[in-house]
Amino acid sequence: MRATGIVRRIDDLGRVVIPKEIRKTLRIREGDPLEIFTAKDGEVILKKYSPIGELNEFSQEYTETLGETLGYGVVVTDLDSIISVSKLPKKDYKEKSISDDLEKLIENRETKHAKDSNMLPLHKEDSMEYNSQIIMPIVSVSGDCIGSISIVSKDNETLTEHDEKILKIAANFLGKQVQ
């Protein structure tokens, strides 16, 4: 852990204000859920909660199955980072922070079916070595947008409406796995 040099007092209701600089750096917004952990030495640890991140292992297996079946690269994100990847170099994608454009797309619950110059980077350093993509938000049963699932084609093969329907099924299925 890194010390920030910032000290805050607990108010009479037991609240502690997380400084704006830290919220901005960690992309914590008003209403975001935080998990609270305690350590034996008295530390209290706050961690941004990711419902889809709880499905990490399941999500990776599902992503790999989808990638093998479709033959395309598949990426699943939560609201902050890429949590599973298939048919693309994991070192270039896994655990990378999602791009601002992708964050806005998820926030607006938009589907994007793009080719060539209209594509969005999936993460901030994405070299976009593919020529076609479909991005779909993942919405939980409770109606909360919890992330996205994307497929990308690298072989000059344009993704079709059929691929979009398959991706919609995948997004709906993942959304139903989160309570």
N, C-alpha and C. Protein backbone atom coordinates (compact mmCIF):
# COMPACT_ATOMS: atom_id res chain seq x y z
N MET A 1 0.84 -1.19 0.00
CA MET A 1 0.00 0.00 0.00
C MET A 1 0.88 1.24 0.00
N ARG A 2 0.35 2.29 -0.62
CA ARG A 2 1.05 3.56 -0.67
C ARG A 2 0.39 4.56 0.26
N ALA A 3 1.19 5.27 1.00
CA ALA A 3 0.66 6.33 1.86
C ALA A 3 0.40 7.56 1.00
N THR A 4 -0.71 8.24 1.25
CA THR A 4 -1.04 9.43 0.47
C THR A 4 -0.70 10.70 1.22
N GLY A 5 -0.52 10.59 2.52
CA GLY A 5 -0.28 11.78 3.33
C GLY A 5 -1.56 12.50 3.70
N ILE A 6 -2.69 11.97 3.29
CA ILE A 6 -3.98 12.57 3.58
C ILE A 6 -4.57 11.89 4.81
N VAL A 7 -5.02 12.69 5.76
CA VAL A 7 -5.64 12.17 6.98
C VAL A 7 -7.06 12.71 7.05
N ARG A 8 -8.01 11.84 7.34
CA ARG A 8 -9.41 12.25 7.49
C ARG A 8 -9.93 11.74 8.83
N ARG A 9 -10.84 12.50 9.42
CA ARG A 9 -11.48 12.10 10.68
C ARG A 9 -12.84 11.48 10.38
N ILE A 10 -13.25 10.58 11.24
CA ILE A 10 -14.57 9.98 11.16
C ILE A 10 -15.56 10.95 11.79
N ASP A 11 -16.70 11.20 11.10
CA ASP A 11 -17.69 12.12 11.66
C ASP A 11 -18.60 11.38 12.65
N ASP A 12 -19.56 12.10 13.23
CA ASP A 12 -20.39 11.52 14.28
C ASP A 12 -21.33 10.42 13.76
N LEU A 13 -21.48 10.29 12.45
CA LEU A 13 -22.27 9.20 11.86
C LEU A 13 -21.39 8.04 11.38
N GLY A 14 -20.08 8.11 11.65
CA GLY A 14 -19.17 7.04 11.26
C GLY A 14 -18.68 7.12 9.83
N ARG A 15 -18.85 8.27 9.19
CA ARG A 15 -18.46 8.42 7.79
C ARG A 15 -17.04 8.99 7.66
N VAL A 16 -16.39 8.60 6.57
CA VAL A 16 -15.09 9.14 6.21
C VAL A 16 -15.18 9.60 4.76
N VAL A 17 -14.71 10.80 4.49
CA VAL A 17 -14.73 11.31 3.13
C VAL A 17 -13.48 10.83 2.39
N ILE A 18 -13.70 10.22 1.23
CA ILE A 18 -12.57 9.83 0.38
C ILE A 18 -12.23 11.05 -0.47
N PRO A 19 -10.99 11.54 -0.37
CA PRO A 19 -10.62 12.77 -1.09
C PRO A 19 -10.87 12.68 -2.59
N LYS A 20 -11.24 13.82 -3.17
CA LYS A 20 -11.59 13.91 -4.58
C LYS A 20 -10.47 13.38 -5.48
N GLU A 21 -9.21 13.69 -5.14
CA GLU A 21 -8.08 13.25 -5.96
C GLU A 21 -8.02 11.73 -6.03
N ILE A 22 -8.28 11.07 -4.90
CA ILE A 22 -8.23 9.61 -4.85
C ILE A 22 -9.43 9.04 -5.61
N ARG A 23 -10.62 9.63 -5.42
CA ARG A 23 -11.81 9.17 -6.16
C ARG A 23 -11.59 9.28 -7.65
N LYS A 24 -10.99 10.38 -8.08
CA LYS A 24 -10.75 10.59 -9.51
C LYS A 24 -9.74 9.56 -10.04
N THR A 25 -8.66 9.37 -9.33
CA THR A 25 -7.62 8.42 -9.74
C THR A 25 -8.16 7.01 -9.84
N LEU A 26 -8.99 6.62 -8.86
CA LEU A 26 -9.52 5.26 -8.82
C LEU A 26 -10.86 5.12 -9.55
N ARG A 27 -11.31 6.21 -10.17
CA ARG A 27 -12.56 6.23 -10.94
C ARG A 27 -13.75 5.80 -10.08
N ILE A 28 -13.81 6.35 -8.87
CA ILE A 28 -14.92 6.09 -7.96
C ILE A 28 -15.87 7.28 -8.06
N ARG A 29 -17.12 6.97 -8.42
CA ARG A 29 -18.13 8.02 -8.57
C ARG A 29 -19.20 7.86 -7.48
N GLU A 30 -19.97 8.92 -7.30
CA GLU A 30 -21.07 8.88 -6.35
C GLU A 30 -21.99 7.71 -6.69
N GLY A 31 -22.33 6.93 -5.69
CA GLY A 31 -23.22 5.78 -5.88
C GLY A 31 -22.50 4.48 -6.18
N ASP A 32 -21.17 4.53 -6.46
CA ASP A 32 -20.43 3.29 -6.73
C ASP A 32 -20.37 2.44 -5.47
N PRO A 33 -20.59 1.13 -5.59
CA PRO A 33 -20.46 0.26 -4.42
C PRO A 33 -19.00 -0.01 -4.09
N LEU A 34 -18.69 -0.04 -2.81
CA LEU A 34 -17.35 -0.36 -2.33
C LEU A 34 -17.43 -1.56 -1.40
N GLU A 35 -16.47 -2.47 -1.51
CA GLU A 35 -16.37 -3.60 -0.58
C GLU A 35 -15.44 -3.17 0.55
N ILE A 36 -15.74 -3.63 1.75
CA ILE A 36 -14.93 -3.30 2.91
C ILE A 36 -14.29 -4.58 3.43
N PHE A 37 -12.96 -4.55 3.55
CA PHE A 37 -12.19 -5.68 4.07
C PHE A 37 -11.46 -5.21 5.32
N THR A 38 -11.19 -6.13 6.22
CA THR A 38 -10.36 -5.81 7.38
C THR A 38 -9.20 -6.79 7.43
N ALA A 39 -8.08 -6.31 7.93
CA ALA A 39 -6.90 -7.15 8.09
C ALA A 39 -6.64 -7.32 9.58
N LYS A 40 -5.87 -8.33 9.92
CA LYS A 40 -5.59 -8.64 11.33
C LYS A 40 -4.90 -7.49 12.06
N ASP A 41 -4.12 -6.71 11.33
CA ASP A 41 -3.35 -5.64 11.98
C ASP A 41 -4.17 -4.35 12.12
N GLY A 42 -5.48 -4.40 11.90
CA GLY A 42 -6.33 -3.24 12.09
C GLY A 42 -6.57 -2.40 10.85
N GLU A 43 -6.04 -2.83 9.73
CA GLU A 43 -6.26 -2.08 8.49
C GLU A 43 -7.70 -2.27 8.01
N VAL A 44 -8.24 -1.21 7.46
CA VAL A 44 -9.54 -1.26 6.78
C VAL A 44 -9.26 -0.97 5.32
N ILE A 45 -9.69 -1.86 4.46
CA ILE A 45 -9.40 -1.73 3.03
C ILE A 45 -10.71 -1.57 2.27
N LEU A 46 -10.80 -0.52 1.47
CA LEU A 46 -11.95 -0.29 0.62
C LEU A 46 -11.56 -0.68 -0.80
N LYS A 47 -12.43 -1.42 -1.47
CA LYS A 47 -12.15 -1.84 -2.84
C LYS A 47 -13.41 -1.62 -3.65
N LYS A 48 -13.25 -1.04 -4.83
CA LYS A 48 -14.40 -0.84 -5.70
C LYS A 48 -14.97 -2.21 -6.06
N TYR A 49 -16.27 -2.35 -5.87
CA TYR A 49 -16.94 -3.63 -6.09
C TYR A 49 -17.31 -3.79 -7.55
N SER A 50 -17.02 -4.94 -8.12
CA SER A 50 -17.37 -5.25 -9.51
C SER A 50 -18.18 -6.54 -9.52
N PRO A 51 -19.49 -6.44 -9.76
CA PRO A 51 -20.30 -7.66 -9.78
C PRO A 51 -19.82 -8.67 -10.81
N ILE A 52 -19.44 -8.19 -11.99
CA ILE A 52 -18.98 -9.12 -13.03
C ILE A 52 -17.58 -9.64 -12.70
N GLY A 53 -16.81 -8.85 -11.95
CA GLY A 53 -15.49 -9.30 -11.51
C GLY A 53 -15.58 -10.51 -10.60
N GLU A 54 -16.71 -10.66 -9.90
CA GLU A 54 -16.94 -11.82 -9.05
C GLU A 54 -17.02 -13.10 -9.89
N LEU A 55 -17.34 -12.95 -11.15
CA LEU A 55 -17.47 -14.09 -12.06
C LEU A 55 -16.19 -14.31 -12.87
N ASN A 56 -15.07 -13.84 -12.37
CA ASN A 56 -13.83 -13.81 -13.12
C ASN A 56 -13.51 -15.14 -13.81
N GLU A 57 -13.45 -16.23 -13.06
CA GLU A 57 -13.09 -17.53 -13.62
C GLU A 57 -14.15 -18.00 -14.62
N PHE A 58 -15.42 -17.87 -14.23
CA PHE A 58 -16.52 -18.26 -15.11
C PHE A 58 -16.48 -17.42 -16.40
N SER A 59 -16.28 -16.12 -16.25
CA SER A 59 -16.24 -15.22 -17.39
C SER A 59 -15.12 -15.61 -18.35
N GLN A 60 -13.95 -15.99 -17.81
CA GLN A 60 -12.82 -16.38 -18.66
C GLN A 60 -13.16 -17.64 -19.45
N GLU A 61 -13.76 -18.63 -18.78
CA GLU A 61 -14.13 -19.86 -19.47
C GLU A 61 -15.18 -19.59 -20.55
N TYR A 62 -16.14 -18.75 -20.23
CA TYR A 62 -17.21 -18.42 -21.18
C TYR A 62 -16.62 -17.67 -22.38
N THR A 63 -15.72 -16.73 -22.11
CA THR A 63 -15.06 -15.96 -23.17
C THR A 63 -14.27 -16.88 -24.09
N GLU A 64 -13.54 -17.83 -23.52
CA GLU A 64 -12.75 -18.76 -24.33
C GLU A 64 -13.65 -19.65 -25.19
N THR A 65 -14.76 -20.11 -24.62
CA THR A 65 -15.70 -20.94 -25.38
C THR A 65 -16.29 -20.15 -26.54
N LEU A 66 -16.69 -18.92 -26.26
CA LEU A 66 -17.27 -18.07 -27.31
C LEU A 66 -16.24 -17.77 -28.40
N GLY A 67 -15.01 -17.48 -28.00
CA GLY A 67 -13.95 -17.20 -28.96
C GLY A 67 -13.64 -18.39 -29.86
N GLU A 68 -13.57 -19.58 -29.25
CA GLU A 68 -13.31 -20.80 -30.03
C GLU A 68 -14.45 -21.09 -31.00
N THR A 69 -15.69 -20.88 -30.54
CA THR A 69 -16.86 -21.17 -31.37
C THR A 69 -16.97 -20.19 -32.54
N LEU A 70 -16.81 -18.90 -32.26
CA LEU A 70 -16.98 -17.89 -33.30
C LEU A 70 -15.73 -17.68 -34.15
N GLY A 71 -14.56 -17.93 -33.55
CA GLY A 71 -13.30 -17.69 -34.26
C GLY A 71 -12.86 -16.23 -34.21
N TYR A 72 -13.46 -15.43 -33.34
CA TYR A 72 -13.13 -14.01 -33.20
C TYR A 72 -12.53 -13.75 -31.82
N GLY A 73 -11.87 -12.61 -31.69
CA GLY A 73 -11.41 -12.18 -30.39
C GLY A 73 -12.62 -11.77 -29.55
N VAL A 74 -12.61 -12.11 -28.26
CA VAL A 74 -13.71 -11.78 -27.35
C VAL A 74 -13.12 -11.11 -26.12
N VAL A 75 -13.77 -10.02 -25.69
CA VAL A 75 -13.32 -9.26 -24.52
C VAL A 75 -14.52 -8.97 -23.63
N VAL A 76 -14.39 -9.26 -22.33
CA VAL A 76 -15.42 -8.92 -21.35
C VAL A 76 -14.82 -7.91 -20.38
N THR A 77 -15.59 -6.84 -20.10
CA THR A 77 -15.12 -5.81 -19.17
C THR A 77 -16.13 -5.63 -18.04
N ASP A 78 -15.65 -5.05 -16.94
CA ASP A 78 -16.57 -4.49 -15.97
C ASP A 78 -16.61 -3.00 -16.28
N LEU A 79 -16.96 -2.17 -15.33
CA LEU A 79 -17.06 -0.74 -15.61
C LEU A 79 -15.72 -0.02 -15.62
N ASP A 80 -14.65 -0.73 -15.25
CA ASP A 80 -13.33 -0.11 -15.16
C ASP A 80 -12.24 -0.77 -15.98
N SER A 81 -12.27 -2.10 -16.06
CA SER A 81 -11.15 -2.79 -16.70
C SER A 81 -11.60 -4.04 -17.44
N ILE A 82 -10.68 -4.59 -18.21
CA ILE A 82 -10.93 -5.83 -18.96
C ILE A 82 -10.71 -6.99 -18.00
N ILE A 83 -11.74 -7.87 -17.89
CA ILE A 83 -11.62 -8.97 -16.93
C ILE A 83 -11.39 -10.32 -17.59
N SER A 84 -11.75 -10.47 -18.86
CA SER A 84 -11.43 -11.73 -19.55
C SER A 84 -11.26 -11.47 -21.04
N VAL A 85 -10.41 -12.34 -21.65
CA VAL A 85 -10.02 -12.16 -23.04
C VAL A 85 -9.82 -13.52 -23.69
N SER A 86 -10.19 -13.64 -24.95
CA SER A 86 -9.94 -14.87 -25.70
C SER A 86 -9.57 -14.52 -27.14
N LYS A 87 -8.67 -15.31 -27.71
CA LYS A 87 -8.25 -15.17 -29.11
C LYS A 87 -7.55 -13.84 -29.40
N LEU A 88 -7.10 -13.16 -28.34
CA LEU A 88 -6.29 -11.94 -28.43
C LEU A 88 -5.18 -12.10 -27.39
N PRO A 89 -4.04 -11.41 -27.57
CA PRO A 89 -2.95 -11.55 -26.58
C PRO A 89 -3.38 -11.02 -25.20
N LYS A 90 -3.44 -11.92 -24.23
CA LYS A 90 -3.89 -11.54 -22.88
C LYS A 90 -3.04 -10.40 -22.30
N LYS A 91 -1.75 -10.43 -22.55
CA LYS A 91 -0.87 -9.39 -21.99
C LYS A 91 -1.21 -8.00 -22.53
N ASP A 92 -1.83 -7.94 -23.71
CA ASP A 92 -2.19 -6.65 -24.30
C ASP A 92 -3.57 -6.16 -23.86
N TYR A 93 -4.35 -7.02 -23.21
CA TYR A 93 -5.73 -6.65 -22.88
C TYR A 93 -6.10 -6.86 -21.41
N LYS A 94 -5.82 -8.03 -20.87
CA LYS A 94 -6.32 -8.40 -19.53
C LYS A 94 -5.87 -7.40 -18.47
N GLU A 95 -6.83 -6.98 -17.65
CA GLU A 95 -6.64 -6.06 -16.53
C GLU A 95 -6.27 -4.64 -16.95
N LYS A 96 -6.37 -4.31 -18.22
CA LYS A 96 -6.13 -2.94 -18.68
C LYS A 96 -7.37 -2.10 -18.39
N SER A 97 -7.19 -0.84 -18.07
CA SER A 97 -8.32 0.08 -17.85
C SER A 97 -9.02 0.33 -19.17
N ILE A 98 -10.35 0.29 -19.15
CA ILE A 98 -11.09 0.50 -20.40
C ILE A 98 -10.93 1.95 -20.86
N SER A 99 -11.12 2.16 -22.15
CA SER A 99 -10.98 3.51 -22.72
C SER A 99 -12.16 4.38 -22.26
N ASP A 100 -11.95 5.69 -22.30
CA ASP A 100 -13.02 6.62 -21.94
C ASP A 100 -14.21 6.48 -22.87
N ASP A 101 -13.94 6.24 -24.17
CA ASP A 101 -15.03 6.06 -25.14
C ASP A 101 -15.86 4.82 -24.82
N LEU A 102 -15.19 3.74 -24.43
CA LEU A 102 -15.91 2.52 -24.08
C LEU A 102 -16.71 2.74 -22.79
N GLU A 103 -16.13 3.45 -21.85
CA GLU A 103 -16.83 3.75 -20.60
C GLU A 103 -18.13 4.52 -20.89
N LYS A 104 -18.06 5.51 -21.78
CA LYS A 104 -19.26 6.28 -22.15
C LYS A 104 -20.30 5.41 -22.86
N LEU A 105 -19.83 4.54 -23.74
CA LEU A 105 -20.73 3.64 -24.46
C LEU A 105 -21.49 2.75 -23.47
N ILE A 106 -20.77 2.19 -22.50
CA ILE A 106 -21.40 1.34 -21.48
C ILE A 106 -22.39 2.16 -20.66
N GLU A 107 -21.95 3.33 -20.22
CA GLU A 107 -22.79 4.20 -19.41
C GLU A 107 -24.10 4.54 -20.13
N ASN A 108 -24.04 4.73 -21.44
CA ASN A 108 -25.22 5.07 -22.24
C ASN A 108 -25.98 3.83 -22.72
N ARG A 109 -25.48 2.65 -22.35
CA ARG A 109 -26.12 1.37 -22.71
C ARG A 109 -26.28 1.22 -24.22
N GLU A 110 -25.27 1.63 -24.94
CA GLU A 110 -25.30 1.58 -26.40
C GLU A 110 -24.60 0.34 -26.93
N THR A 111 -25.08 -0.15 -28.06
CA THR A 111 -24.40 -1.21 -28.80
C THR A 111 -23.67 -0.53 -29.96
N LYS A 112 -22.45 -0.98 -30.22
CA LYS A 112 -21.68 -0.40 -31.33
C LYS A 112 -21.26 -1.53 -32.26
N HIS A 113 -21.63 -1.40 -33.51
CA HIS A 113 -21.22 -2.33 -34.56
C HIS A 113 -20.42 -1.48 -35.55
N ALA A 114 -19.11 -1.67 -35.58
CA ALA A 114 -18.26 -0.75 -36.34
C ALA A 114 -17.25 -1.49 -37.20
N LYS A 115 -16.78 -0.77 -38.19
CA LYS A 115 -15.76 -1.28 -39.10
C LYS A 115 -14.74 -0.18 -39.36
N ASP A 116 -13.49 -0.56 -39.47
CA ASP A 116 -12.39 0.33 -39.82
C ASP A 116 -12.30 1.58 -38.95
N SER A 117 -12.48 2.77 -39.52
CA SER A 117 -12.20 4.01 -38.79
C SER A 117 -13.25 4.37 -37.74
N ASN A 118 -14.40 3.71 -37.71
CA ASN A 118 -15.44 4.03 -36.73
C ASN A 118 -15.31 3.25 -35.43
N MET A 119 -14.27 2.44 -35.29
CA MET A 119 -14.13 1.58 -34.12
C MET A 119 -13.67 2.35 -32.89
N LEU A 120 -14.00 1.77 -31.73
CA LEU A 120 -13.57 2.34 -30.45
C LEU A 120 -12.41 1.53 -29.89
N PRO A 121 -11.44 2.18 -29.27
CA PRO A 121 -10.42 1.41 -28.56
C PRO A 121 -11.05 0.77 -27.32
N LEU A 122 -10.69 -0.47 -27.04
CA LEU A 122 -11.26 -1.16 -25.88
C LEU A 122 -10.56 -0.75 -24.59
N HIS A 123 -9.28 -0.43 -24.69
CA HIS A 123 -8.56 0.08 -23.53
C HIS A 123 -7.70 1.26 -23.97
N LYS A 124 -7.10 1.92 -23.00
CA LYS A 124 -6.44 3.20 -23.28
C LYS A 124 -5.25 3.10 -24.23
N GLU A 125 -4.56 1.96 -24.25
CA GLU A 125 -3.39 1.82 -25.14
C GLU A 125 -3.69 0.88 -26.30
N ASP A 126 -4.96 0.65 -26.60
CA ASP A 126 -5.37 -0.33 -27.62
C ASP A 126 -4.84 0.09 -29.00
N SER A 127 -4.06 -0.79 -29.63
CA SER A 127 -3.53 -0.51 -30.97
C SER A 127 -4.56 -0.85 -32.05
N MET A 128 -5.67 -1.44 -31.67
CA MET A 128 -6.78 -1.78 -32.56
C MET A 128 -6.31 -2.49 -33.82
N GLU A 129 -5.66 -3.63 -33.63
CA GLU A 129 -5.17 -4.42 -34.75
C GLU A 129 -6.27 -5.35 -35.26
N TYR A 130 -7.44 -4.80 -35.43
CA TYR A 130 -8.57 -5.54 -35.97
C TYR A 130 -9.35 -4.60 -36.86
N ASN A 131 -10.21 -5.14 -37.71
CA ASN A 131 -10.88 -4.29 -38.69
C ASN A 131 -12.39 -4.19 -38.49
N SER A 132 -12.95 -4.94 -37.54
CA SER A 132 -14.38 -4.93 -37.31
C SER A 132 -14.64 -5.28 -35.85
N GLN A 133 -15.67 -4.64 -35.24
CA GLN A 133 -15.97 -4.92 -33.84
C GLN A 133 -17.46 -4.73 -33.56
N ILE A 134 -17.92 -5.47 -32.56
CA ILE A 134 -19.25 -5.26 -32.00
C ILE A 134 -19.07 -5.19 -30.49
N ILE A 135 -19.64 -4.15 -29.89
CA ILE A 135 -19.56 -3.97 -28.44
C ILE A 135 -20.99 -3.89 -27.92
N MET A 136 -21.26 -4.64 -26.85
CA MET A 136 -22.61 -4.67 -26.29
C MET A 136 -22.51 -4.55 -24.77
N PRO A 137 -23.37 -3.70 -24.16
CA PRO A 137 -23.36 -3.60 -22.70
C PRO A 137 -23.92 -4.87 -22.05
N ILE A 138 -23.47 -5.16 -20.85
CA ILE A 138 -24.00 -6.26 -20.05
C ILE A 138 -24.84 -5.63 -18.96
N VAL A 139 -26.12 -6.00 -18.91
CA VAL A 139 -27.05 -5.45 -17.94
C VAL A 139 -27.50 -6.57 -17.02
N SER A 140 -27.41 -6.33 -15.69
CA SER A 140 -27.80 -7.36 -14.73
C SER A 140 -29.32 -7.47 -14.66
N VAL A 141 -29.79 -8.51 -13.97
CA VAL A 141 -31.22 -8.74 -13.80
C VAL A 141 -31.88 -7.55 -13.11
N SER A 142 -31.14 -6.89 -12.21
CA SER A 142 -31.69 -5.75 -11.48
C SER A 142 -31.73 -4.48 -12.34
N GLY A 143 -31.19 -4.55 -13.57
CA GLY A 143 -31.23 -3.41 -14.48
C GLY A 143 -30.00 -2.54 -14.45
N ASP A 144 -29.00 -2.90 -13.65
CA ASP A 144 -27.76 -2.13 -13.59
C ASP A 144 -26.82 -2.54 -14.72
N CYS A 145 -26.22 -1.56 -15.36
CA CYS A 145 -25.22 -1.84 -16.39
C CYS A 145 -23.93 -2.19 -15.65
N ILE A 146 -23.37 -3.38 -15.91
CA ILE A 146 -22.23 -3.86 -15.13
C ILE A 146 -20.96 -4.06 -15.95
N GLY A 147 -21.03 -3.84 -17.26
CA GLY A 147 -19.84 -4.02 -18.08
C GLY A 147 -20.20 -4.14 -19.54
N SER A 148 -19.31 -4.79 -20.30
CA SER A 148 -19.55 -4.96 -21.74
C SER A 148 -18.92 -6.26 -22.21
N ILE A 149 -19.39 -6.71 -23.36
CA ILE A 149 -18.77 -7.83 -24.06
C ILE A 149 -18.57 -7.39 -25.50
N SER A 150 -17.41 -7.71 -26.05
CA SER A 150 -17.07 -7.30 -27.41
C SER A 150 -16.53 -8.48 -28.19
N ILE A 151 -16.77 -8.47 -29.50
CA ILE A 151 -16.07 -9.37 -30.39
C ILE A 151 -15.37 -8.52 -31.44
N VAL A 152 -14.18 -8.97 -31.84
CA VAL A 152 -13.40 -8.24 -32.84
C VAL A 152 -12.88 -9.23 -33.88
N SER A 153 -12.83 -8.76 -35.12
CA SER A 153 -12.33 -9.58 -36.22
C SER A 153 -11.03 -8.99 -36.73
N LYS A 154 -10.02 -9.84 -36.90
CA LYS A 154 -8.73 -9.39 -37.38
C LYS A 154 -8.47 -9.78 -38.84
N ASP A 155 -9.29 -10.63 -39.39
CA ASP A 155 -8.98 -11.23 -40.68
C ASP A 155 -9.74 -10.61 -41.84
N ASN A 156 -9.91 -9.30 -41.84
CA ASN A 156 -10.67 -8.62 -42.89
C ASN A 156 -12.06 -9.21 -43.10
N GLU A 157 -12.54 -9.88 -42.06
CA GLU A 157 -13.88 -10.46 -42.11
C GLU A 157 -14.82 -9.51 -41.37
N THR A 158 -15.85 -9.04 -42.04
CA THR A 158 -16.80 -8.12 -41.43
C THR A 158 -17.78 -8.88 -40.56
N LEU A 159 -17.96 -8.41 -39.35
CA LEU A 159 -18.92 -9.02 -38.44
C LEU A 159 -20.34 -8.72 -38.93
N THR A 160 -21.24 -9.67 -38.77
CA THR A 160 -22.58 -9.58 -39.34
C THR A 160 -23.65 -9.35 -38.26
N GLU A 161 -24.88 -9.18 -38.70
CA GLU A 161 -26.01 -9.07 -37.77
C GLU A 161 -26.17 -10.36 -36.98
N HIS A 162 -25.85 -11.49 -37.61
CA HIS A 162 -25.89 -12.78 -36.92
C HIS A 162 -24.92 -12.78 -35.74
N ASP A 163 -23.71 -12.25 -35.95
CA ASP A 163 -22.72 -12.15 -34.87
C ASP A 163 -23.24 -11.24 -33.75
N GLU A 164 -23.93 -10.18 -34.15
CA GLU A 164 -24.49 -9.25 -33.16
C GLU A 164 -25.55 -9.95 -32.31
N LYS A 165 -26.37 -10.79 -32.93
CA LYS A 165 -27.39 -11.54 -32.18
C LYS A 165 -26.74 -12.50 -31.19
N ILE A 166 -25.69 -13.17 -31.63
CA ILE A 166 -24.97 -14.09 -30.74
C ILE A 166 -24.39 -13.31 -29.56
N LEU A 167 -23.84 -12.13 -29.83
CA LEU A 167 -23.26 -11.32 -28.77
C LEU A 167 -24.34 -10.85 -27.79
N LYS A 168 -25.52 -10.56 -28.31
CA LYS A 168 -26.63 -10.15 -27.44
C LYS A 168 -27.02 -11.28 -26.50
N ILE A 169 -27.04 -12.50 -27.03
CA ILE A 169 -27.33 -13.67 -26.19
C ILE A 169 -26.26 -13.80 -25.10
N ALA A 170 -25.00 -13.62 -25.48
CA ALA A 170 -23.90 -13.72 -24.52
C ALA A 170 -24.01 -12.65 -23.44
N ALA A 171 -24.32 -11.41 -23.84
CA ALA A 171 -24.46 -10.32 -22.87
C ALA A 171 -25.61 -10.59 -21.91
N ASN A 172 -26.73 -11.06 -22.44
CA ASN A 172 -27.88 -11.37 -21.60
C ASN A 172 -27.56 -12.51 -20.63
N PHE A 173 -26.87 -13.53 -21.12
CA PHE A 173 -26.49 -14.66 -20.27
C PHE A 173 -25.58 -14.21 -19.13
N LEU A 174 -24.55 -13.42 -19.44
CA LEU A 174 -23.65 -12.94 -18.39
C LEU A 174 -24.39 -12.05 -17.40
N GLY A 175 -25.30 -11.21 -17.89
CA GLY A 175 -26.10 -10.36 -17.01
C GLY A 175 -26.94 -11.15 -16.03
N LYS A 176 -27.43 -12.32 -16.45
CA LYS A 176 -28.25 -13.15 -15.58
C LYS A 176 -27.43 -13.90 -14.53
N GLN A 177 -26.12 -13.94 -14.70
CA GLN A 177 -25.26 -14.62 -13.72
C GLN A 177 -24.98 -13.76 -12.49
N VAL A 178 -25.25 -12.47 -12.61
CA VAL A 178 -24.99 -11.52 -11.52
C VAL A 178 -26.29 -11.25 -10.79
N GLN A 179 -26.27 -11.37 -9.49
CA GLN A 179 -27.49 -11.12 -8.69
C GLN A 179 -27.61 -9.67 -8.33
